[in-house]
Amino acid sequence: MRSNTKFYFLFWLIFSFNSLLLGQKSASIIPDSLANESYEYLYKKYAQHAEDTTSSIQYLNAYLHKATAANDRIKRSIALNYLSYYTDDRERQFDLVNQSLTESNSVDSLYSIAAYNRLGLYYQNAYDYENALQQYLKVLRLSKKKNDKDYEIIGLNNIADIKKDIGNYKEALILYKTCLDLEQKRKFPNSSVIVQISLNLSESYRNEKKYDSASYYYDLVIDKIYKDHTYALSVAMINEGVNLFYKKNIDKAYSFLQKGASLANLTSQYDLKYYIIAQFYLGKISLISNEKDDTGYFLKVDSLLTKTDLILPEVRDAYVSLIKDYKASNNYKEHLSTINKLIRFDSITNARKIHTTNTLNSEFDTPELVKSKELLIQKLKNKNQSLSTKVLSLLILFVIITFLFFLQIRKHKIYRERFDTIIAALNEKPTKSSKESASLKTSSQSLNIDPDVVAVILDKLLVFESKNGFLKSTITISSLARKLSTNTKYLSKIINTYKGKTFIHYINDLRIEYILNELKVNPTLHRYTILGVAKEASFNSAESFTAAFKKKTGITPSYYIKNLKKSA
């Protein structure tokens, strides 16, 4: 596979990320026909069937199985990383990417570029731009160190996407131009990559109100799109339709937006975003033309945004227009409902840092909306409620507030009890449990493992625990099995039976027990960030550490540290 062909597939996979999340189906049984095939054959077949979820997972699992049998950690990392694109379970995605990172980093971090990039996409898809940017910076640093032009361009493009999403269009433009320049200077420039970056440039110029430049980049690639890249036609036509709208070419803009919307793949979140933008501008055109169906387009925008977690600052005026219509018709109920939606829209926009200026909020800023909301609530009460209904509403409100108040008190009490229980357990001297030995013979027989073997492994696990072997960040069940002179099958069964948990939960619980005591005896750790404490416990991220901590203790790390400080 030529490098440029590989790059096309990587870029396509990232570009198609949202439409690929179809739910991972079971394909763990490897057909005999694939058992002896080469890595090259399996990867090629996977790339050919990338849009077929079942086939893709089957080829990737065969690839993973082969790499596991050969103890090839780099190829295991590759398979795990690609498998993460084929599940919509976010916890599963995160676990697969972290496993991929563990495998590649155990050999050399230079092999971890793809996994760091995938982790960035994971965070970006959750609108966690700060963490996404950290991963993309790693991609950029490692790709330059390895002289990997493929991922240097991908890393720059993804960082530019974040800047575009948060409204830093000028900065995004610089990065997109750099990406385009790097690609065009390659020995074999890839037209698919040039098309996508050019469309990004066109959109960024449009957002900067440089409409001639926006049309230039559209014109640059539209022939290529019609000929070889029709998957991008919907987005291209919608973007140019919006551009034409601002250039006052209303009839042509309407035609482009209609056609672009009709070609959109609504199962893809990427296409859906532009479909919503198209509906918004079709509504604006109808409003300009004094047609009666402009509200219909804006209602469709509202409906689609309500059904998804998409927040598009560009379409905010759809809610503003709806509010004006409801106000003019004295439709208090829908007026109030739409103001609530606009308040939510603005709060999420700010929380995600999608847009950092106040330009789009000039007509209805948040304080004015809150004030209008309170006035409308009063009008609705005066119109629809009798005195008895008002009293009942106030009573219900009082009950709810009281309930929430006592709920918070109870939550605080539960957290405090859990904290006290943890401290008491840490203060007690550990005693050797007889649970394992008492049921050793019976359980080992049910496991079909010699009781003496079970006893030896359990003793070795005690030594492993006492020497804090679980703090090694690259530990896996395979590496621990080798260290204990056994196999993964025996070790897994014994941990499941005698520790009552999976290997991953066993390791995580040991790490949490360790850090609980370290935090108690070492006040210096109290000044660390949660990520810093997580690293001390050998977790790769603050998120995975917090999740494991809460699962083990029932409280958060921040609550535990805060109360340790109070007790000091």
Protein backbone atom coordinates (compact mmCIF):
# COMPACT_ATOMS: atom_id res chain seq x y z
CA MET A 1 0.00 0.00 0.00
CA ARG A 2 1.51 3.33 -1.08
CA SER A 3 1.82 5.95 1.64
CA ASN A 4 -0.55 8.29 -0.17
CA THR A 5 -3.20 5.59 -0.46
CA LYS A 6 -2.85 4.96 3.25
CA PHE A 7 -3.26 8.69 3.91
CA TYR A 8 -6.43 8.81 1.84
CA PHE A 9 -7.91 6.02 3.96
CA LEU A 10 -6.85 7.66 7.23
CA PHE A 11 -8.33 10.99 6.19
CA TRP A 12 -11.52 9.33 4.95
CA LEU A 13 -11.88 7.39 8.21
CA ILE A 14 -11.56 10.55 10.30
CA PHE A 15 -13.84 12.55 7.95
CA SER A 16 -16.49 9.79 8.15
CA PHE A 17 -16.15 9.26 11.92
CA ASN A 18 -19.70 10.22 12.94
CA SER A 19 -21.39 8.13 10.24
CA LEU A 20 -19.33 5.06 11.17
CA LEU A 21 -20.62 4.83 14.74
CA LEU A 22 -23.18 2.15 13.97
CA GLY A 23 -22.87 -0.06 17.01
CA GLN A 24 -20.28 -2.79 17.28
CA LYS A 25 -21.66 -6.18 16.37
CA SER A 26 -20.18 -9.41 17.58
CA ALA A 27 -17.50 -10.74 15.28
CA SER A 28 -15.09 -12.33 17.73
CA ILE A 29 -15.24 -15.76 16.06
CA ILE A 30 -12.52 -15.79 13.40
CA PRO A 31 -13.53 -17.69 10.25
CA ASP A 32 -11.10 -20.46 9.24
CA SER A 33 -10.70 -18.75 5.88
CA LEU A 34 -9.01 -15.78 7.59
CA ALA A 35 -6.94 -17.62 10.17
CA ASN A 36 -3.78 -17.90 8.05
CA GLU A 37 -4.07 -14.71 6.01
CA SER A 38 -1.33 -12.07 6.15
CA TYR A 39 -1.61 -8.72 7.92
CA GLU A 40 -1.46 -6.98 4.54
CA TYR A 41 -4.37 -9.03 3.20
CA LEU A 42 -6.55 -8.45 6.30
CA TYR A 43 -5.89 -4.69 6.36
CA LYS A 44 -6.58 -4.38 2.64
CA LYS A 45 -9.88 -6.26 2.97
CA TYR A 46 -10.81 -4.12 5.98
CA ALA A 47 -10.12 -0.89 4.05
CA GLN A 48 -12.22 -2.17 1.14
CA HIS A 49 -15.17 -2.89 3.47
CA ALA A 50 -14.75 0.02 5.91
CA GLU A 51 -18.39 1.12 5.58
CA ASP A 52 -19.66 -2.43 6.22
CA THR A 53 -19.59 -2.64 10.02
CA THR A 54 -19.88 -6.43 10.33
CA SER A 55 -17.20 -7.19 7.74
CA SER A 56 -14.87 -4.49 9.08
CA ILE A 57 -15.02 -5.82 12.63
CA GLN A 58 -14.46 -9.37 11.41
CA TYR A 59 -11.30 -8.45 9.47
CA LEU A 60 -10.02 -6.29 12.34
CA ASN A 61 -10.62 -9.06 14.88
CA ALA A 62 -8.76 -11.50 12.63
CA TYR A 63 -5.92 -8.96 12.45
CA LEU A 64 -6.00 -8.57 16.26
CA HIS A 65 -6.08 -12.33 16.81
CA LYS A 66 -3.06 -12.82 14.57
CA ALA A 67 -1.14 -10.01 16.32
CA THR A 68 -2.00 -11.41 19.76
CA ALA A 69 -0.80 -14.88 18.81
CA ALA A 70 2.47 -13.38 17.55
CA ASN A 71 2.72 -10.98 20.53
CA ASP A 72 3.07 -8.12 18.03
CA ARG A 73 2.13 -5.12 20.16
CA ILE A 74 2.31 -2.57 17.37
CA LYS A 75 -0.14 -4.46 15.20
CA ARG A 76 -2.36 -5.10 18.23
CA SER A 77 -2.39 -1.35 18.77
CA ILE A 78 -3.40 -0.75 15.15
CA ALA A 79 -6.30 -3.22 15.33
CA LEU A 80 -7.59 -1.92 18.68
CA ASN A 81 -7.45 1.67 17.43
CA TYR A 82 -9.45 0.94 14.28
CA LEU A 83 -11.96 -1.18 16.22
CA SER A 84 -12.74 1.88 18.36
CA TYR A 85 -14.36 3.53 15.32
CA TYR A 86 -17.00 0.79 15.15
CA THR A 87 -18.81 1.16 18.46
CA ASP A 88 -21.18 3.87 19.66
CA ASP A 89 -20.54 2.90 23.30
CA ARG A 90 -18.30 5.74 24.51
CA GLU A 91 -16.88 3.73 27.41
CA ARG A 92 -15.98 0.96 24.97
CA GLN A 93 -14.39 3.51 22.61
CA PHE A 94 -12.29 4.92 25.44
CA ASP A 95 -11.18 1.47 26.63
CA LEU A 96 -10.15 0.38 23.12
CA VAL A 97 -8.13 3.54 22.50
CA ASN A 98 -6.41 3.29 25.88
CA GLN A 99 -5.57 -0.36 25.21
CA SER A 100 -4.15 0.72 21.86
CA LEU A 101 -2.02 3.37 23.58
CA THR A 102 -0.79 0.89 26.18
CA GLU A 103 0.31 -1.54 23.48
CA SER A 104 2.09 1.03 21.29
CA ASN A 105 3.66 3.03 24.13
CA SER A 106 5.15 -0.16 25.57
CA VAL A 107 7.30 -0.32 22.42
CA ASP A 108 7.81 3.34 21.47
CA SER A 109 5.59 6.41 21.69
CA LEU A 110 6.28 7.09 18.01
CA TYR A 111 3.91 4.21 17.25
CA SER A 112 1.14 5.88 19.26
CA ILE A 113 0.36 8.73 16.84
CA ALA A 114 -2.79 7.10 15.43
CA ALA A 115 -4.13 6.27 18.90
CA TYR A 116 -3.52 9.81 20.21
CA ASN A 117 -5.33 11.17 17.17
CA ARG A 118 -8.27 8.82 17.80
CA LEU A 119 -8.38 9.91 21.45
CA GLY A 120 -8.50 13.52 20.24
CA LEU A 121 -11.49 12.67 18.06
CA TYR A 122 -13.12 10.98 21.07
CA TYR A 123 -12.83 14.18 23.12
CA GLN A 124 -13.75 16.48 20.22
CA ASN A 125 -16.91 14.48 19.54
CA ALA A 126 -17.87 15.16 23.18
CA TYR A 127 -17.07 18.89 22.73
CA ASP A 128 -14.18 18.57 25.21
CA TYR A 129 -11.95 20.78 23.09
CA GLU A 130 -9.25 21.27 25.71
CA ASN A 131 -8.49 17.56 26.02
CA ALA A 132 -8.88 17.06 22.27
CA LEU A 133 -6.31 19.77 21.61
CA GLN A 134 -3.86 18.13 24.02
CA GLN A 135 -4.06 14.88 22.03
CA TYR A 136 -3.69 16.65 18.67
CA LEU A 137 -0.60 18.48 19.95
CA LYS A 138 0.90 15.09 20.80
CA VAL A 139 0.06 13.91 17.28
CA LEU A 140 1.80 16.96 15.82
CA ARG A 141 4.88 16.63 18.02
CA LEU A 142 5.33 12.90 17.38
CA SER A 143 4.59 13.14 13.64
CA LYS A 144 7.27 15.80 13.23
CA LYS A 145 9.71 13.72 15.25
CA LYS A 146 8.97 10.69 13.08
CA ASN A 147 8.75 12.79 9.89
CA ASP A 148 5.27 11.40 9.26
CA LYS A 149 3.71 13.91 6.85
CA ASP A 150 0.40 12.02 6.81
CA TYR A 151 -0.30 12.63 10.47
CA GLU A 152 1.32 16.06 10.50
CA ILE A 153 -1.36 17.19 8.04
CA ILE A 154 -4.11 15.31 9.91
CA GLY A 155 -3.02 16.82 13.23
CA LEU A 156 -2.93 20.36 11.83
CA ASN A 157 -6.30 19.86 10.15
CA ASN A 158 -7.92 18.61 13.37
CA ILE A 159 -6.53 21.53 15.38
CA ALA A 160 -7.89 23.86 12.69
CA ASP A 161 -11.30 22.15 13.03
CA ILE A 162 -11.33 22.96 16.75
CA LYS A 163 -10.41 26.59 16.09
CA LYS A 164 -13.18 26.81 13.49
CA ASP A 165 -15.69 25.23 15.87
CA ILE A 166 -14.97 27.78 18.62
CA GLY A 167 -15.10 30.72 16.19
CA ASN A 168 -11.38 31.46 15.75
CA TYR A 169 -11.73 31.55 11.96
CA LYS A 170 -8.58 33.60 11.24
CA GLU A 171 -6.43 31.14 13.16
CA ALA A 172 -8.21 28.21 11.51
CA LEU A 173 -7.55 29.73 8.08
CA ILE A 174 -3.81 29.85 8.70
CA LEU A 175 -3.74 26.18 9.69
CA TYR A 176 -5.93 25.04 6.78
CA LYS A 177 -3.67 26.93 4.36
CA THR A 178 -0.65 25.23 5.91
CA CYS A 179 -2.32 21.82 5.47
CA LEU A 180 -3.19 22.57 1.84
CA ASP A 181 0.34 23.78 1.11
CA LEU A 182 1.87 20.66 2.67
CA GLU A 183 -0.42 18.36 0.70
CA GLN A 184 0.06 20.15 -2.63
CA LYS A 185 3.85 19.94 -2.23
CA ARG A 186 3.78 16.16 -1.81
CA LYS A 187 5.07 13.95 -4.59
CA PHE A 188 1.61 12.45 -5.06
CA PRO A 189 -0.97 15.00 -3.79
CA ASN A 190 -4.22 13.35 -2.74
CA SER A 191 -7.30 14.89 -4.33
CA SER A 192 -9.62 13.73 -1.51
CA VAL A 193 -7.54 15.55 1.08
CA ILE A 194 -7.31 18.66 -1.12
CA VAL A 195 -11.10 18.63 -1.55
CA GLN A 196 -11.82 18.44 2.19
CA ILE A 197 -9.27 21.08 3.20
CA SER A 198 -10.49 23.40 0.42
CA LEU A 199 -14.08 23.09 1.68
CA ASN A 200 -12.86 23.92 5.19
CA LEU A 201 -11.08 26.97 3.81
CA SER A 202 -14.19 28.03 1.91
CA GLU A 203 -16.33 27.81 5.04
CA SER A 204 -13.78 29.67 7.17
CA TYR A 205 -13.54 32.49 4.61
CA ARG A 206 -17.34 32.69 4.58
CA ASN A 207 -17.39 33.01 8.36
CA GLU A 208 -14.84 35.82 7.99
CA LYS A 209 -17.25 37.49 5.49
CA LYS A 210 -14.72 37.12 2.65
CA TYR A 211 -17.20 35.72 0.18
CA ASP A 212 -15.11 35.98 -2.99
CA SER A 213 -12.33 33.96 -1.38
CA ALA A 214 -14.91 31.46 -0.14
CA SER A 215 -16.24 30.99 -3.68
CA TYR A 216 -12.69 30.68 -5.02
CA TYR A 217 -11.99 27.55 -2.97
CA TYR A 218 -15.39 26.12 -3.83
CA ASP A 219 -14.74 26.64 -7.55
CA LEU A 220 -11.28 25.13 -7.11
CA VAL A 221 -12.60 21.69 -6.20
CA ILE A 222 -16.23 21.42 -7.36
CA ASP A 223 -15.30 19.66 -10.63
CA LYS A 224 -13.27 17.09 -8.67
CA ILE A 225 -16.20 16.59 -6.31
CA TYR A 226 -18.65 15.91 -9.15
CA LYS A 227 -16.19 13.52 -10.80
CA ASP A 228 -14.59 11.51 -7.97
CA HIS A 229 -15.79 12.72 -4.55
CA THR A 230 -19.58 12.88 -4.64
CA TYR A 231 -19.75 12.11 -0.90
CA ALA A 232 -18.71 15.76 -0.34
CA LEU A 233 -21.24 17.25 -2.79
CA SER A 234 -23.96 17.94 -0.20
CA VAL A 235 -21.64 19.89 2.13
CA ALA A 236 -20.02 21.75 -0.78
CA MET A 237 -23.35 22.90 -2.23
CA ILE A 238 -24.77 23.95 1.14
CA ASN A 239 -21.64 25.96 1.99
CA GLU A 240 -21.69 27.69 -1.40
CA GLY A 241 -25.44 28.25 -1.07
CA VAL A 242 -24.86 30.15 2.19
CA ASN A 243 -22.02 32.07 0.51
CA LEU A 244 -24.33 33.04 -2.37
CA PHE A 245 -26.97 34.17 0.15
CA TYR A 246 -24.54 36.70 1.60
CA LYS A 247 -23.50 37.74 -1.92
CA LYS A 248 -27.20 38.64 -2.47
CA ASN A 249 -27.64 36.03 -5.22
CA ILE A 250 -30.82 34.78 -3.57
CA ASP A 251 -32.31 32.63 -6.36
CA LYS A 252 -29.09 30.72 -6.94
CA ALA A 253 -28.52 30.40 -3.20
CA TYR A 254 -31.99 28.86 -2.80
CA SER A 255 -31.26 26.35 -5.59
CA PHE A 256 -27.90 25.33 -4.09
CA LEU A 257 -29.31 24.96 -0.58
CA GLN A 258 -32.26 22.87 -1.78
CA LYS A 259 -30.07 20.53 -3.82
CA GLY A 260 -27.41 20.25 -1.11
CA ALA A 261 -30.05 19.41 1.51
CA SER A 262 -31.60 16.75 -0.75
CA LEU A 263 -28.20 15.01 -1.06
CA ALA A 264 -27.39 15.03 2.68
CA ASN A 265 -26.91 11.71 4.46
CA LEU A 266 -28.98 12.31 7.59
CA THR A 267 -27.51 9.26 9.35
CA SER A 268 -24.19 11.12 9.43
CA GLN A 269 -23.86 13.74 12.16
CA TYR A 270 -21.44 15.62 9.91
CA ASP A 271 -23.96 15.87 7.05
CA LEU A 272 -26.81 16.55 9.49
CA LYS A 273 -25.01 19.65 10.77
CA TYR A 274 -24.96 21.15 7.27
CA TYR A 275 -28.52 19.99 6.56
CA ILE A 276 -29.68 22.05 9.59
CA ILE A 277 -27.67 25.04 8.33
CA ALA A 278 -29.38 24.65 4.93
CA GLN A 279 -32.85 24.67 6.55
CA PHE A 280 -31.94 27.81 8.47
CA TYR A 281 -30.86 29.74 5.37
CA LEU A 282 -33.85 28.48 3.37
CA GLY A 283 -35.97 29.97 6.16
CA LYS A 284 -34.08 33.27 5.92
CA ILE A 285 -34.63 33.35 2.15
CA SER A 286 -38.35 32.69 2.66
CA LEU A 287 -38.44 35.48 5.24
CA ILE A 288 -36.81 37.91 2.80
CA SER A 289 -39.23 36.83 0.07
CA ASN A 290 -42.20 37.42 2.41
CA GLU A 291 -43.32 33.83 2.01
CA LYS A 292 -45.48 32.19 4.66
CA ASP A 293 -43.44 29.04 5.21
CA ASP A 294 -40.30 30.59 6.73
CA THR A 295 -41.45 29.45 10.20
CA GLY A 296 -41.64 25.89 8.87
CA TYR A 297 -37.91 25.89 8.11
CA PHE A 298 -37.07 27.37 11.53
CA LEU A 299 -39.30 24.81 13.25
CA LYS A 300 -37.41 22.07 11.41
CA VAL A 301 -34.14 23.56 12.70
CA ASP A 302 -35.54 23.51 16.25
CA SER A 303 -36.82 19.95 15.87
CA LEU A 304 -33.48 18.61 14.61
CA LEU A 305 -31.45 20.42 17.28
CA THR A 306 -33.82 19.12 19.96
CA LYS A 307 -33.32 15.52 18.81
CA THR A 308 -29.51 15.78 18.79
CA ASP A 309 -26.77 17.30 20.93
CA LEU A 310 -25.73 19.61 18.10
CA ILE A 311 -25.41 23.31 18.91
CA LEU A 312 -24.72 25.50 15.86
CA PRO A 313 -24.21 29.20 16.74
CA GLU A 314 -24.85 30.11 13.10
CA VAL A 315 -28.54 29.16 13.34
CA ARG A 316 -29.34 31.02 16.58
CA ASP A 317 -31.54 33.53 14.74
CA ALA A 318 -34.02 30.73 13.98
CA TYR A 319 -35.09 30.94 17.63
CA VAL A 320 -35.07 34.75 17.55
CA SER A 321 -37.45 34.73 14.54
CA LEU A 322 -39.74 32.18 16.17
CA ILE A 323 -39.86 34.27 19.34
CA LYS A 324 -40.89 37.35 17.32
CA ASP A 325 -43.67 35.41 15.57
CA TYR A 326 -45.07 33.97 18.82
CA LYS A 327 -44.89 37.35 20.51
CA ALA A 328 -46.74 39.04 17.62
CA SER A 329 -49.51 36.42 17.75
CA ASN A 330 -49.76 36.52 21.59
CA ASN A 331 -48.98 32.81 21.70
CA TYR A 332 -47.62 32.97 25.25
CA LYS A 333 -47.09 29.24 25.65
CA GLU A 334 -44.90 28.77 22.56
CA HIS A 335 -43.25 32.16 23.20
CA LEU A 336 -42.13 30.98 26.64
CA SER A 337 -41.11 27.54 25.39
CA THR A 338 -38.92 29.02 22.63
CA ILE A 339 -37.25 31.48 25.00
CA ASN A 340 -36.36 28.53 27.25
CA LYS A 341 -34.86 26.76 24.24
CA LEU A 342 -32.84 29.85 23.32
CA ILE A 343 -31.53 30.20 26.89
CA ARG A 344 -30.45 26.54 26.79
CA PHE A 345 -28.91 27.08 23.34
CA ASP A 346 -26.83 30.02 24.58
CA SER A 347 -25.74 28.29 27.79
CA ILE A 348 -24.54 25.19 25.94
CA THR A 349 -22.83 27.35 23.33
CA ASN A 350 -20.88 29.13 26.06
CA ALA A 351 -20.12 25.92 27.95
CA ARG A 352 -18.70 24.26 24.85
CA LYS A 353 -16.78 27.38 23.91
CA ILE A 354 -18.10 27.09 20.39
CA HIS A 355 -18.45 30.81 19.98
CA THR A 356 -16.61 33.39 22.06
CA THR A 357 -18.02 36.66 20.75
CA ASN A 358 -21.34 38.36 21.46
CA THR A 359 -22.15 39.12 17.80
CA LEU A 360 -24.86 36.50 17.46
CA ASN A 361 -26.38 37.43 20.81
CA SER A 362 -26.91 41.16 20.11
CA GLU A 363 -30.71 41.05 19.96
CA PHE A 364 -31.44 38.75 22.91
CA ASP A 365 -28.70 38.39 25.50
CA THR A 366 -29.19 36.02 28.41
CA PRO A 367 -30.29 38.54 31.10
CA GLU A 368 -32.97 39.98 28.80
CA LEU A 369 -34.20 36.49 27.97
CA VAL A 370 -34.46 35.58 31.64
CA LYS A 371 -36.42 38.77 32.33
CA SER A 372 -38.78 38.10 29.40
CA LYS A 373 -39.23 34.55 30.60
CA GLU A 374 -40.33 35.73 34.07
CA LEU A 375 -42.83 38.20 32.58
CA LEU A 376 -44.32 35.53 30.31
CA ILE A 377 -44.64 33.08 33.17
CA GLN A 378 -46.67 35.71 35.01
CA LYS A 379 -48.91 36.32 31.96
CA LEU A 380 -49.54 32.62 31.59
CA LYS A 381 -50.45 32.36 35.25
CA ASN A 382 -52.86 35.31 34.99
CA LYS A 383 -54.51 33.87 31.90
CA ASN A 384 -54.77 30.18 32.68
CA GLN A 385 -54.71 29.74 36.43
CA SER A 386 -57.29 30.40 39.10
CA LEU A 387 -56.31 31.44 42.61
CA SER A 388 -56.52 27.86 43.83
CA THR A 389 -54.24 26.68 41.01
CA LYS A 390 -51.70 29.35 41.95
CA VAL A 391 -51.72 28.17 45.56
CA LEU A 392 -51.33 24.57 44.42
CA SER A 393 -48.43 25.51 42.15
CA LEU A 394 -46.68 27.33 44.96
CA LEU A 395 -47.25 24.38 47.27
CA ILE A 396 -45.81 21.96 44.72
CA LEU A 397 -42.84 24.27 44.20
CA PHE A 398 -42.26 24.41 47.95
CA VAL A 399 -42.42 20.60 48.20
CA ILE A 400 -39.94 20.23 45.36
CA ILE A 401 -37.51 22.74 46.86
CA THR A 402 -37.81 21.07 50.26
CA PHE A 403 -37.27 17.66 48.73
CA LEU A 404 -34.18 18.84 46.85
CA PHE A 405 -32.84 20.46 50.01
CA PHE A 406 -33.16 17.26 52.05
CA LEU A 407 -31.80 15.27 49.11
CA GLN A 408 -28.64 17.35 49.22
CA ILE A 409 -28.39 16.90 52.98
CA ARG A 410 -28.81 13.14 52.61
CA LYS A 411 -26.23 13.03 49.82
CA HIS A 412 -23.76 14.92 51.97
CA LYS A 413 -24.45 12.56 54.87
CA ILE A 414 -23.93 9.47 52.69
CA TYR A 415 -20.69 10.89 51.29
CA ARG A 416 -19.49 11.71 54.80
CA GLU A 417 -20.31 8.21 56.04
CA ARG A 418 -18.45 6.71 53.12
CA PHE A 419 -15.47 8.97 53.81
CA ASP A 420 -15.44 7.98 57.49
CA THR A 421 -15.68 4.30 56.55
CA ILE A 422 -12.68 4.64 54.21
CA ILE A 423 -10.59 6.40 56.88
CA ALA A 424 -11.55 3.80 59.49
CA ALA A 425 -10.56 0.99 57.15
CA LEU A 426 -7.22 2.67 56.44
CA ASN A 427 -6.55 3.04 60.17
CA GLU A 428 -7.15 -0.64 60.84
CA LYS A 429 -4.22 -3.01 60.61
CA PRO A 430 -4.72 -5.38 57.67
CA THR A 431 -5.48 -8.94 58.63
CA LYS A 432 -4.99 -11.94 56.42
CA SER A 433 -8.29 -13.11 54.99
CA SER A 434 -9.21 -16.76 55.37
CA LYS A 435 -11.89 -16.53 52.69
CA GLU A 436 -9.62 -17.62 49.88
CA SER A 437 -8.11 -20.62 51.69
CA ALA A 438 -11.45 -21.76 53.09
CA SER A 439 -12.96 -22.27 49.68
CA LEU A 440 -9.73 -23.04 47.82
CA LYS A 441 -10.32 -26.72 47.22
CA THR A 442 -13.98 -26.42 46.23
CA SER A 443 -13.46 -23.43 43.94
CA SER A 444 -10.32 -24.79 42.30
CA GLN A 445 -12.16 -28.01 41.46
CA SER A 446 -15.00 -26.04 39.84
CA LEU A 447 -12.36 -24.15 37.84
CA ASN A 448 -10.69 -27.43 36.77
CA ILE A 449 -7.36 -26.16 38.14
CA ASP A 450 -5.13 -28.06 40.54
CA PRO A 451 -5.65 -26.63 44.08
CA ASP A 452 -1.90 -26.48 44.59
CA VAL A 453 -1.53 -24.38 41.44
CA VAL A 454 -4.30 -22.05 42.63
CA ALA A 455 -2.64 -21.68 46.03
CA VAL A 456 0.72 -20.85 44.47
CA ILE A 457 -0.78 -18.23 42.17
CA LEU A 458 -2.76 -16.65 45.02
CA ASP A 459 0.43 -16.43 47.10
CA LYS A 460 2.24 -14.80 44.21
CA LEU A 461 -0.62 -12.34 43.80
CA LEU A 462 -0.22 -11.38 47.47
CA VAL A 463 3.47 -10.67 46.85
CA PHE A 464 2.55 -8.73 43.70
CA GLU A 465 0.11 -6.62 45.73
CA SER A 466 2.51 -6.08 48.62
CA LYS A 467 5.24 -4.83 46.26
CA ASN A 468 2.82 -2.45 44.46
CA GLY A 469 3.38 -4.19 41.15
CA PHE A 470 0.04 -2.82 39.99
CA LEU A 471 1.58 0.67 39.71
CA LYS A 472 3.41 -0.29 36.55
CA SER A 473 1.46 1.68 33.94
CA THR A 474 2.01 -0.87 31.14
CA ILE A 475 0.82 -3.89 33.08
CA THR A 476 -1.48 -6.30 31.24
CA ILE A 477 -2.91 -9.68 32.11
CA SER A 478 -0.39 -11.21 29.71
CA SER A 479 2.61 -9.54 31.34
CA LEU A 480 1.40 -10.43 34.85
CA ALA A 481 0.77 -14.05 33.84
CA ARG A 482 4.34 -14.30 32.57
CA LYS A 483 5.64 -12.75 35.80
CA LEU A 484 3.68 -15.29 37.88
CA SER A 485 4.81 -18.21 35.64
CA THR A 486 1.28 -19.10 34.59
CA ASN A 487 -1.02 -18.48 31.65
CA THR A 488 -3.65 -15.79 31.11
CA LYS A 489 -6.53 -18.30 31.20
CA TYR A 490 -5.65 -19.59 34.69
CA LEU A 491 -4.87 -16.10 35.98
CA SER A 492 -8.12 -14.64 34.68
CA LYS A 493 -10.21 -17.45 36.20
CA ILE A 494 -8.47 -17.21 39.57
CA ILE A 495 -8.84 -13.42 39.77
CA ASN A 496 -12.51 -13.64 38.74
CA THR A 497 -13.22 -16.34 41.35
CA TYR A 498 -11.07 -15.33 44.33
CA LYS A 499 -10.98 -11.57 43.85
CA GLY A 500 -14.54 -11.39 42.56
CA LYS A 501 -13.75 -9.06 39.68
CA THR A 502 -12.20 -8.82 36.22
CA PHE A 503 -8.47 -8.26 35.77
CA ILE A 504 -8.95 -4.57 34.84
CA HIS A 505 -11.16 -3.91 37.87
CA TYR A 506 -8.71 -5.84 40.07
CA ILE A 507 -5.82 -3.62 38.99
CA ASN A 508 -7.91 -0.44 39.21
CA ASP A 509 -9.12 -1.31 42.74
CA LEU A 510 -5.54 -1.96 43.90
CA ARG A 511 -4.46 1.39 42.51
CA ILE A 512 -7.37 3.17 44.20
CA GLU A 513 -6.61 1.46 47.55
CA TYR A 514 -3.00 2.57 47.15
CA ILE A 515 -3.80 6.21 46.39
CA LEU A 516 -6.39 6.37 49.20
CA ASN A 517 -3.66 5.64 51.70
CA GLU A 518 -1.07 7.84 49.95
CA LEU A 519 -3.41 10.81 50.03
CA LYS A 520 -4.06 10.19 53.73
CA VAL A 521 -0.39 10.02 54.76
CA ASN A 522 1.12 12.45 52.27
CA PRO A 523 -0.48 15.94 52.41
CA THR A 524 1.78 17.10 49.56
CA LEU A 525 -0.50 15.21 47.16
CA HIS A 526 -3.42 17.41 48.23
CA ARG A 527 -1.92 20.24 46.15
CA TYR A 528 -1.86 18.11 42.99
CA THR A 529 -4.47 18.39 40.26
CA ILE A 530 -6.80 15.41 39.82
CA LEU A 531 -4.73 14.45 36.76
CA GLY A 532 -1.57 14.67 38.86
CA VAL A 533 -3.08 12.37 41.52
CA ALA A 534 -4.28 10.04 38.75
CA LYS A 535 -0.71 9.77 37.42
CA GLU A 536 0.54 8.92 40.92
CA ALA A 537 -1.90 5.99 40.86
CA SER A 538 -0.76 5.03 37.31
CA PHE A 539 -3.97 6.04 35.56
CA ASN A 540 -3.61 7.55 32.09
CA SER A 541 -6.31 10.20 32.46
CA ALA A 542 -8.28 12.09 35.09
CA GLU A 543 -11.52 10.72 33.66
CA SER A 544 -10.64 7.03 33.99
CA PHE A 545 -9.18 7.67 37.47
CA THR A 546 -12.31 9.50 38.70
CA ALA A 547 -14.58 6.77 37.33
CA ALA A 548 -12.55 4.00 39.03
CA PHE A 549 -12.31 5.99 42.28
CA LYS A 550 -16.06 6.59 42.49
CA LYS A 551 -16.86 2.99 41.58
CA LYS A 552 -14.57 1.75 44.37
CA THR A 553 -15.43 4.26 47.11
CA GLY A 554 -18.79 5.79 46.19
CA ILE A 555 -17.33 9.32 46.43
CA THR A 556 -15.27 11.51 44.13
CA PRO A 557 -11.51 12.11 44.49
CA SER A 558 -12.10 15.84 44.98
CA TYR A 559 -14.51 15.19 47.87
CA TYR A 560 -12.05 12.79 49.50
CA ILE A 561 -9.13 15.23 49.22
CA LYS A 562 -11.26 18.16 50.42
CA ASN A 563 -12.28 16.29 53.58
CA LEU A 564 -8.74 15.07 54.21
CA LYS A 565 -7.67 18.72 54.23
CA LYS A 566 -10.44 19.53 56.74
CA SER A 567 -9.35 16.64 58.97
CA ALA A 568 -5.69 17.65 58.92
